[in-house]
């Protein structure tokens, strides 16, 4: 699965790890994150992330 990078703080969302501190289980793809999920570092919304290709 593809990782995604926050365009503001460069946090990398890795679906293999998820975001366990915010209730997102490992194996959750970026597309399957809830619409209200925000960057755990800087708080921006999903739309501010870019695929890391």
Protein backbone atom coordinates (compact mmCIF):
# COMPACT_ATOMS: atom_id res chain seq x y z
CA UNK A 1 0.00 0.00 0.00
CA UNK A 2 1.07 3.56 -0.72
CA UNK A 3 2.10 5.92 2.05
CA UNK A 4 0.85 9.53 2.09
CA UNK A 5 2.78 12.64 3.16
CA UNK A 6 1.32 15.67 4.92
CA UNK A 7 2.02 18.73 2.77
CA UNK A 8 2.35 20.92 5.88
CA UNK A 9 4.57 19.00 8.33
CA UNK A 10 5.78 16.03 6.24
CA UNK A 11 4.19 13.41 8.56
CA UNK A 12 4.01 10.12 6.66
CA UNK A 13 0.87 8.02 7.03
CA UNK A 14 1.87 4.38 6.59
CA UNK A 15 -1.10 2.01 6.18
CA UNK A 16 1.01 -0.89 7.47
CA UNK A 17 1.25 0.95 10.82
CA UNK A 18 -2.04 2.88 10.82
CA UNK A 19 -2.52 5.54 13.48
CA UNK A 20 -3.05 3.51 16.67
CA UNK A 21 -2.94 6.59 18.93
CA UNK A 22 -6.09 7.78 17.14
CA UNK A 23 -7.88 4.44 16.78
CA UNK A 24 -6.76 3.61 13.23
CA UNK A 25 -5.76 -0.05 13.00
CA UNK A 26 -2.73 -1.29 11.05
CA UNK A 27 -3.75 -2.26 7.52
CA UNK A 28 -6.12 0.71 7.08
CA UNK A 29 -5.55 2.26 3.67
CA UNK A 30 -5.43 6.04 3.40
CA UNK A 31 -8.63 5.98 1.34
CA UNK A 32 -10.42 4.11 4.15
CA UNK A 33 -9.52 6.66 6.84
CA UNK A 34 -12.59 8.44 8.24
CA UNK A 35 -13.40 11.75 6.54
CA UNK A 36 -12.80 13.58 9.82
CA UNK A 37 -9.31 12.08 10.35
CA UNK A 38 -6.60 14.74 10.66
CA UNK A 39 -2.82 14.69 10.70
CA UNK A 40 -1.76 13.57 14.19
CA UNK A 41 1.17 16.00 14.15
CA UNK A 42 -0.21 19.28 12.81
CA UNK A 43 -3.97 18.73 12.57
CA UNK A 44 -4.57 19.38 8.86
CA UNK A 45 -7.27 17.45 7.02
CA UNK A 46 -6.88 14.43 4.74
CA UNK A 47 -7.09 16.60 1.63
CA UNK A 48 -3.71 18.13 2.53
CA UNK A 49 -1.91 14.80 2.06
CA UNK A 50 -0.20 13.66 -1.14
CA UNK A 51 0.59 10.09 -2.24
CA UNK A 52 4.24 9.24 -1.68
CA UNK A 53 5.21 7.68 -5.00
